[in-house]
Amino acid sequence: MKTMYVNQLNNETQEAIRQELHTNLIDILTGNELTEAINDAMDSRLSDLEDTININQYV
């Protein structure tokens, strides 16, 4: 399941991931950089997000 793309997951899980990404990145990025980073992450494989969020709850 780690190799699945985030956008293949159900909407509830995608929203939880989006919120966790926002929480973890808000102190580092702002404005368009934050938006772009979150959008890029949402188009990524779940395994690509291991360094940014705890993916164990989603696999």
Protein backbone atom coordinates (compact mmCIF):
# COMPACT_ATOMS: atom_id res chain seq x y z
CA MET A 1 0.00 0.00 0.00
CA LYS A 2 2.97 2.35 0.49
CA THR A 3 3.39 2.43 -3.27
CA MET A 4 -0.13 3.73 -3.88
CA TYR A 5 -0.56 7.30 -4.97
CA VAL A 6 -2.23 9.55 -2.41
CA ASN A 7 -4.94 10.46 -4.94
CA GLN A 8 -5.90 6.76 -5.14
CA LEU A 9 -6.87 6.73 -1.47
CA ASN A 10 -10.39 7.53 -0.28
CA ASN A 11 -11.34 11.18 0.19
CA GLU A 12 -11.33 11.00 3.98
CA THR A 13 -7.77 9.66 4.03
CA GLN A 14 -6.65 12.24 1.47
CA GLU A 15 -8.04 15.04 3.61
CA ALA A 16 -6.30 13.67 6.72
CA ILE A 17 -3.01 13.55 4.80
CA ARG A 18 -3.55 17.09 3.49
CA GLN A 19 -4.14 18.35 7.04
CA GLU A 20 -1.08 16.56 8.40
CA LEU A 21 1.06 17.95 5.59
CA HIS A 22 -0.21 21.44 6.30
CA THR A 23 0.52 21.10 10.01
CA ASN A 24 4.05 19.83 9.39
CA LEU A 25 4.96 22.31 6.65
CA ILE A 26 3.36 25.55 7.89
CA ASP A 27 6.42 26.41 10.01
CA ILE A 28 8.76 25.91 7.05
CA LEU A 29 6.85 27.21 4.03
CA THR A 30 4.35 30.00 3.42
CA GLY A 31 2.00 31.18 0.70
CA ASN A 32 2.47 29.68 -2.74
CA GLU A 33 5.40 27.51 -1.62
CA LEU A 34 3.18 25.82 0.97
CA THR A 35 0.33 25.34 -1.49
CA GLU A 36 2.64 23.93 -4.16
CA ALA A 37 4.36 21.57 -1.71
CA ILE A 38 1.03 20.20 -0.49
CA ASN A 39 -0.29 19.82 -4.06
CA ASP A 40 2.90 18.03 -5.11
CA ALA A 41 2.66 15.73 -2.09
CA MET A 42 -0.96 14.91 -2.88
CA ASP A 43 0.17 13.78 -6.36
CA SER A 44 2.94 11.61 -4.87
CA ARG A 45 3.18 8.04 -3.71
CA LEU A 46 2.45 7.52 -0.04
CA SER A 47 5.99 6.20 0.46
CA ASP A 48 7.39 9.52 -0.81
CA LEU A 49 5.87 11.27 2.20
CA GLU A 50 7.61 9.17 4.88
CA ASP A 51 10.06 11.97 5.70
CA THR A 52 7.29 14.54 6.10
CA ILE A 53 4.41 12.73 7.82
CA ASN A 54 3.80 9.48 9.68
CA ILE A 55 2.37 7.27 6.94
CA ASN A 56 1.96 4.21 9.17
CA GLN A 57 -1.60 5.19 10.04
CA TYR A 58 -2.50 5.27 6.34
CA VAL A 59 -1.03 1.89 5.27
